[in-house]
Amino acid sequence: MTLKSRKCAALLAITAVLGVYGAAAYRVELLRQQPYAASSCSSAHCLPHAGTLSVVR
Protein backbone atom coordinates (compact mmCIF):
# COMPACT_ATOMS: atom_id res chain seq x y z
CA MET A 1 0.00 0.00 0.00
CA THR A 2 1.18 3.46 -0.70
CA LEU A 3 1.12 6.20 1.86
CA LYS A 4 -1.81 7.89 0.14
CA SER A 5 -3.98 4.75 0.20
CA ARG A 6 -3.08 4.10 3.87
CA LYS A 7 -4.19 7.61 4.80
CA CYS A 8 -7.41 7.13 2.85
CA ALA A 9 -8.10 3.78 4.56
CA ALA A 10 -7.41 5.28 7.99
CA LEU A 11 -9.72 8.21 7.27
CA LEU A 12 -12.44 5.85 6.10
CA ALA A 13 -12.09 3.70 9.23
CA ILE A 14 -12.21 6.73 11.54
CA THR A 15 -15.28 8.06 9.72
CA ALA A 16 -17.03 4.69 10.06
CA VAL A 17 -16.28 4.49 13.79
CA LEU A 18 -17.53 8.04 14.35
CA GLY A 19 -20.69 7.27 12.36
CA VAL A 20 -21.48 4.22 14.48
CA TYR A 21 -20.76 6.16 17.68
CA GLY A 22 -22.99 9.03 16.55
CA ALA A 23 -25.85 6.68 15.69
CA ALA A 24 -25.59 5.01 19.11
CA ALA A 25 -25.53 8.36 20.89
CA TYR A 26 -28.60 9.45 18.91
CA ARG A 27 -30.49 6.28 19.90
CA VAL A 28 -29.57 6.74 23.56
CA GLU A 29 -30.79 10.33 23.46
CA LEU A 30 -34.11 9.26 21.92
CA LEU A 31 -34.58 6.61 24.61
CA ARG A 32 -33.65 9.08 27.34
CA GLN A 33 -36.31 11.54 26.18
CA GLN A 34 -39.10 8.92 26.15
CA PRO A 35 -41.44 8.76 29.12
CA TYR A 36 -40.70 5.90 31.50
CA ALA A 37 -43.99 4.09 30.80
CA ALA A 38 -43.34 4.04 27.05
CA SER A 39 -39.80 2.77 27.40
CA SER A 40 -40.55 0.06 29.98
CA CYS A 41 -43.52 -1.55 28.22
CA SER A 42 -43.23 -3.48 24.97
CA SER A 43 -46.91 -4.43 24.65
CA ALA A 44 -49.58 -2.23 23.09
CA HIS A 45 -51.97 -3.00 25.97
CA CYS A 46 -49.88 -1.69 28.84
CA LEU A 47 -51.29 0.70 31.39
CA PRO A 48 -49.34 3.70 32.62
CA HIS A 49 -47.59 3.10 35.95
CA ALA A 50 -49.10 6.26 37.45
CA GLY A 51 -52.60 5.54 36.08
CA THR A 52 -55.80 5.86 38.06
CA LEU A 53 -58.75 3.46 38.16
CA SER A 54 -60.53 5.42 35.42
CA VAL A 55 -57.74 4.43 33.04
CA VAL A 56 -58.46 0.73 33.66
CA ARG A 57 -62.05 1.01 32.38
PDB file of N, CA and C in Angstrom:
ATOM      1  N   MET A   1       0.845  -1.188   0.000  1.00  0.00           N
ATOM      2  CA  MET A   1       0.000   0.000   0.000  1.00  0.00           C
ATOM      3  C   MET A   1       0.883   1.241   0.000  1.00  0.00           C
ATOM      4  N   THR A   2       0.440   2.197  -0.706  1.00  0.00           N
ATOM      5  CA  THR A   2       1.176   3.455  -0.697  1.00  0.00           C
ATOM      6  C   THR A   2       0.714   4.289   0.483  1.00  0.00           C
ATOM      7  N   LEU A   3       1.447   5.323   0.726  1.00  0.00           N
ATOM      8  CA  LEU A   3       1.124   6.196   1.855  1.00  0.00           C
ATOM      9  C   LEU A   3      -0.239   6.852   1.658  1.00  0.00           C
ATOM     10  N   LYS A   4      -0.542   7.225   0.418  1.00  0.00           N
ATOM     11  CA  LYS A   4      -1.812   7.887   0.142  1.00  0.00           C
ATOM     12  C   LYS A   4      -2.994   6.938   0.399  1.00  0.00           C
ATOM     13  N   SER A   5      -2.876   5.693  -0.016  1.00  0.00           N
ATOM     14  CA  SER A   5      -3.977   4.751   0.200  1.00  0.00           C
ATOM     15  C   SER A   5      -4.104   4.371   1.675  1.00  0.00           C
ATOM     16  N   ARG A   6      -3.004   4.351   2.419  1.00  0.00           N
ATOM     17  CA  ARG A   6      -3.077   4.095   3.869  1.00  0.00           C
ATOM     18  C   ARG A   6      -3.806   5.224   4.581  1.00  0.00           C
ATOM     19  N   LYS A   7      -3.505   6.457   4.186  1.00  0.00           N
ATOM     20  CA  LYS A   7      -4.191   7.607   4.795  1.00  0.00           C
ATOM     21  C   LYS A   7      -5.679   7.571   4.474  1.00  0.00           C
ATOM     22  N   CYS A   8      -6.000   7.203   3.246  1.00  0.00           N
ATOM     23  CA  CYS A   8      -7.407   7.130   2.846  1.00  0.00           C
ATOM     24  C   CYS A   8      -8.128   6.030   3.627  1.00  0.00           C
ATOM     25  N   ALA A   9      -7.494   4.884   3.802  1.00  0.00           N
ATOM     26  CA  ALA A   9      -8.098   3.784   4.557  1.00  0.00           C
ATOM     27  C   ALA A   9      -8.276   4.165   6.021  1.00  0.00           C
ATOM     28  N   ALA A  10      -7.298   4.847   6.594  1.00  0.00           N
ATOM     29  CA  ALA A  10      -7.406   5.280   7.987  1.00  0.00           C
ATOM     30  C   ALA A  10      -8.532   6.294   8.148  1.00  0.00           C
ATOM     31  N   LEU A  11      -8.648   7.214   7.215  1.00  0.00           N
ATOM     32  CA  LEU A  11      -9.715   8.214   7.269  1.00  0.00           C
ATOM     33  C   LEU A  11     -11.083   7.547   7.139  1.00  0.00           C
ATOM     34  N   LEU A  12     -11.186   6.571   6.266  1.00  0.00           N
ATOM     35  CA  LEU A  12     -12.443   5.847   6.096  1.00  0.00           C
ATOM     36  C   LEU A  12     -12.809   5.074   7.368  1.00  0.00           C
ATOM     37  N   ALA A  13     -11.836   4.453   7.993  1.00  0.00           N
ATOM     38  CA  ALA A  13     -12.091   3.703   9.227  1.00  0.00           C
ATOM     39  C   ALA A  13     -12.520   4.628  10.361  1.00  0.00           C
ATOM     40  N   ILE A  14     -11.857   5.765  10.487  1.00  0.00           N
ATOM     41  CA  ILE A  14     -12.212   6.729  11.540  1.00  0.00           C
ATOM     42  C   ILE A  14     -13.611   7.277  11.303  1.00  0.00           C
ATOM     43  N   THR A  15     -13.946   7.560  10.043  1.00  0.00           N
ATOM     44  CA  THR A  15     -15.277   8.059   9.716  1.00  0.00           C
ATOM     45  C   THR A  15     -16.349   7.018  10.038  1.00  0.00           C
ATOM     46  N   ALA A  16     -16.068   5.752   9.751  1.00  0.00           N
ATOM     47  CA  ALA A  16     -17.030   4.688  10.058  1.00  0.00           C
ATOM     48  C   ALA A  16     -17.243   4.551  11.563  1.00  0.00           C
ATOM     49  N   VAL A  17     -16.168   4.605  12.334  1.00  0.00           N
ATOM     50  CA  VAL A  17     -16.283   4.495  13.791  1.00  0.00           C
ATOM     51  C   VAL A  17     -17.068   5.672  14.355  1.00  0.00           C
ATOM     52  N   LEU A  18     -16.787   6.868  13.872  1.00  0.00           N
ATOM     53  CA  LEU A  18     -17.527   8.040  14.349  1.00  0.00           C
ATOM     54  C   LEU A  18     -19.000   7.970  13.954  1.00  0.00           C
ATOM     55  N   GLY A  19     -19.299   7.428  12.786  1.00  0.00           N
ATOM     56  CA  GLY A  19     -20.686   7.271  12.364  1.00  0.00           C
ATOM     57  C   GLY A  19     -21.451   6.312  13.257  1.00  0.00           C
ATOM     58  N   VAL A  20     -20.831   5.189  13.594  1.00  0.00           N
ATOM     59  CA  VAL A  20     -21.477   4.217  14.482  1.00  0.00           C
ATOM     60  C   VAL A  20     -21.661   4.813  15.878  1.00  0.00           C
ATOM     61  N   TYR A  21     -20.663   5.523  16.369  1.00  0.00           N
ATOM     62  CA  TYR A  21     -20.763   6.160  17.685  1.00  0.00           C
ATOM     63  C   TYR A  21     -21.875   7.216  17.690  1.00  0.00           C
ATOM     64  N   GLY A  22     -21.949   8.009  16.633  1.00  0.00           N
ATOM     65  CA  GLY A  22     -22.987   9.035  16.546  1.00  0.00           C
ATOM     66  C   GLY A  22     -24.382   8.433  16.499  1.00  0.00           C
ATOM     67  N   ALA A  23     -24.545   7.337  15.762  1.00  0.00           N
ATOM     68  CA  ALA A  23     -25.848   6.677  15.692  1.00  0.00           C
ATOM     69  C   ALA A  23     -26.247   6.112  17.055  1.00  0.00           C
ATOM     70  N   ALA A  24     -25.296   5.541  17.772  1.00  0.00           N
ATOM     71  CA  ALA A  24     -25.593   5.005  19.105  1.00  0.00           C
ATOM     72  C   ALA A  24     -25.946   6.124  20.076  1.00  0.00           C
ATOM     73  N   ALA A  25     -25.228   7.227  20.004  1.00  0.00           N
ATOM     74  CA  ALA A  25     -25.528   8.361  20.886  1.00  0.00           C
ATOM     75  C   ALA A  25     -26.908   8.937  20.579  1.00  0.00           C
ATOM     76  N   TYR A  26     -27.280   8.961  19.306  1.00  0.00           N
ATOM     77  CA  TYR A  26     -28.597   9.452  18.910  1.00  0.00           C
ATOM     78  C   TYR A  26     -29.698   8.542  19.464  1.00  0.00           C
ATOM     79  N   ARG A  27     -29.504   7.216  19.376  1.00  0.00           N
ATOM     80  CA  ARG A  27     -30.489   6.277  19.905  1.00  0.00           C
ATOM     81  C   ARG A  27     -30.628   6.407  21.420  1.00  0.00           C
ATOM     82  N   VAL A  28     -29.526   6.580  22.111  1.00  0.00           N
ATOM     83  CA  VAL A  28     -29.571   6.738  23.565  1.00  0.00           C
ATOM     84  C   VAL A  28     -30.316   8.011  23.928  1.00  0.00           C
ATOM     85  N   GLU A  29     -30.099   9.070  23.178  1.00  0.00           N
ATOM     86  CA  GLU A  29     -30.787  10.330  23.456  1.00  0.00           C
ATOM     87  C   GLU A  29     -32.286  10.191  23.214  1.00  0.00           C
ATOM     88  N   LEU A  30     -32.681   9.475  22.163  1.00  0.00           N
ATOM     89  CA  LEU A  30     -34.106   9.256  21.921  1.00  0.00           C
ATOM     90  C   LEU A  30     -34.737   8.439  23.045  1.00  0.00           C
ATOM     91  N   LEU A  31     -34.048   7.410  23.509  1.00  0.00           N
ATOM     92  CA  LEU A  31     -34.575   6.606  24.611  1.00  0.00           C
ATOM     93  C   LEU A  31     -34.631   7.396  25.904  1.00  0.00           C
ATOM     94  N   ARG A  32     -33.673   8.274  26.113  1.00  0.00           N
ATOM     95  CA  ARG A  32     -33.650   9.076  27.337  1.00  0.00           C
ATOM     96  C   ARG A  32     -34.811  10.059  27.372  1.00  0.00           C
ATOM     97  N   GLN A  33     -35.241  10.545  26.221  1.00  0.00           N
ATOM     98  CA  GLN A  33     -36.311  11.537  26.176  1.00  0.00           C
ATOM     99  C   GLN A  33     -37.699  10.912  26.233  1.00  0.00           C
ATOM    100  N   GLN A  34     -37.802   9.584  26.077  1.00  0.00           N
ATOM    101  CA  GLN A  34     -39.098   8.925  26.155  1.00  0.00           C
ATOM    102  C   GLN A  34     -39.600   8.900  27.588  1.00  0.00           C
ATOM    103  N   PRO A  35     -40.908   8.950  27.775  1.00  0.00           N
ATOM    104  CA  PRO A  35     -41.444   8.761  29.123  1.00  0.00           C
ATOM    105  C   PRO A  35     -41.130   7.355  29.617  1.00  0.00           C
ATOM    106  N   TYR A  36     -41.075   7.189  30.920  1.00  0.00           N
ATOM    107  CA  TYR A  36     -40.701   5.897  31.498  1.00  0.00           C
ATOM    108  C   TYR A  36     -41.693   4.802  31.110  1.00  0.00           C
ATOM    109  N   ALA A  37     -42.978   5.110  31.101  1.00  0.00           N
ATOM    110  CA  ALA A  37     -43.986   4.092  30.797  1.00  0.00           C
ATOM    111  C   ALA A  37     -43.838   3.586  29.368  1.00  0.00           C
ATOM    112  N   ALA A  38     -43.484   4.456  28.445  1.00  0.00           N
ATOM    113  CA  ALA A  38     -43.337   4.039  27.052  1.00  0.00           C
ATOM    114  C   ALA A  38     -42.084   3.205  26.853  1.00  0.00           C
ATOM    115  N   SER A  39     -41.041   3.496  27.598  1.00  0.00           N
ATOM    116  CA  SER A  39     -39.796   2.765  27.402  1.00  0.00           C
ATOM    117  C   SER A  39     -39.757   1.450  28.160  1.00  0.00           C
ATOM    118  N   SER A  40     -40.609   1.279  29.182  1.00  0.00           N
ATOM    119  CA  SER A  40     -40.553   0.058  29.980  1.00  0.00           C
ATOM    120  C   SER A  40     -41.573  -0.978  29.539  1.00  0.00           C
ATOM    121  N   CYS A  41     -42.453  -0.648  28.630  1.00  0.00           N
ATOM    122  CA  CYS A  41     -43.515  -1.554  28.220  1.00  0.00           C
ATOM    123  C   CYS A  41     -43.398  -1.851  26.730  1.00  0.00           C
ATOM    124  N   SER A  42     -43.356  -3.129  26.382  1.00  0.00           N
ATOM    125  CA  SER A  42     -43.230  -3.485  24.974  1.00  0.00           C
ATOM    126  C   SER A  42     -44.562  -3.901  24.361  1.00  0.00           C
ATOM    127  N   SER A  43     -45.602  -4.013  25.147  1.00  0.00           N
ATOM    128  CA  SER A  43     -46.907  -4.428  24.653  1.00  0.00           C
ATOM    129  C   SER A  43     -47.778  -3.210  24.378  1.00  0.00           C
ATOM    130  N   ALA A  44     -48.685  -3.341  23.428  1.00  0.00           N
ATOM    131  CA  ALA A  44     -49.576  -2.226  23.095  1.00  0.00           C
ATOM    132  C   ALA A  44     -50.689  -2.057  24.119  1.00  0.00           C
ATOM    133  N   HIS A  45     -50.877  -3.039  25.003  1.00  0.00           N
ATOM    134  CA  HIS A  45     -51.974  -2.998  25.967  1.00  0.00           C
ATOM    135  C   HIS A  45     -51.518  -2.637  27.374  1.00  0.00           C
ATOM    136  N   CYS A  46     -50.386  -2.031  27.517  1.00  0.00           N
ATOM    137  CA  CYS A  46     -49.877  -1.691  28.844  1.00  0.00           C
ATOM    138  C   CYS A  46     -50.584  -0.462  29.397  1.00  0.00           C
ATOM    139  N   LEU A  47     -50.728  -0.451  30.694  1.00  0.00           N
ATOM    140  CA  LEU A  47     -51.290   0.701  31.386  1.00  0.00           C
ATOM    141  C   LEU A  47     -50.156   1.552  31.928  1.00  0.00           C
ATOM    142  N   PRO A  48     -50.368   2.853  32.016  1.00  0.00           N
ATOM    143  CA  PRO A  48     -49.339   3.696  32.621  1.00  0.00           C
ATOM    144  C   PRO A  48     -49.119   3.319  34.082  1.00  0.00           C
ATOM    145  N   HIS A  49     -47.911   3.458  34.565  1.00  0.00           N
ATOM    146  CA  HIS A  49     -47.590   3.102  35.947  1.00  0.00           C
ATOM    147  C   HIS A  49     -48.256   4.041  36.944  1.00  0.00           C
ATOM    148  N   ALA A  50     -48.492   5.283  36.551  1.00  0.00           N
ATOM    149  CA  ALA A  50     -49.103   6.258  37.449  1.00  0.00           C
ATOM    150  C   ALA A  50     -50.587   6.431  37.130  1.00  0.00           C
ATOM    151  N   GLY A  51     -51.209   5.432  36.486  1.00  0.00           N
ATOM    152  CA  GLY A  51     -52.602   5.545  36.080  1.00  0.00           C
ATOM    153  C   GLY A  51     -53.561   5.438  37.246  1.00  0.00           C
ATOM    154  N   THR A  52     -54.758   5.956  37.041  1.00  0.00           N
ATOM    155  CA  THR A  52     -55.803   5.863  38.056  1.00  0.00           C
ATOM    156  C   THR A  52     -56.763   4.753  37.658  1.00  0.00           C
ATOM    157  N   LEU A  53     -57.781   4.506  38.479  1.00  0.00           N
ATOM    158  CA  LEU A  53     -58.747   3.460  38.162  1.00  0.00           C
ATOM    159  C   LEU A  53     -59.575   3.792  36.931  1.00  0.00           C
ATOM    160  N   SER A  54     -59.761   5.060  36.612  1.00  0.00           N
ATOM    161  CA  SER A  54     -60.532   5.417  35.424  1.00  0.00           C
ATOM    162  C   SER A  54     -59.801   5.014  34.145  1.00  0.00           C
ATOM    163  N   VAL A  55     -58.506   4.856  34.209  1.00  0.00           N
ATOM    164  CA  VAL A  55     -57.737   4.425  33.041  1.00  0.00           C
ATOM    165  C   VAL A  55     -57.988   2.949  32.761  1.00  0.00           C
ATOM    166  N   VAL A  56     -58.264   2.170  33.806  1.00  0.00           N
ATOM    167  CA  VAL A  56     -58.455   0.731  33.660  1.00  0.00           C
ATOM    168  C   VAL A  56     -59.739   0.417  32.903  1.00  0.00           C
ATOM    169  N   ARG A  57     -60.761   1.272  33.041  1.00  0.00           N
ATOM    170  CA  ARG A  57     -62.047   1.015  32.381  1.00  0.00           C
ATOM    171  C   ARG A  57     -61.888   0.992  30.939  1.00  0.00           C
TER     172      ARG A  57
END
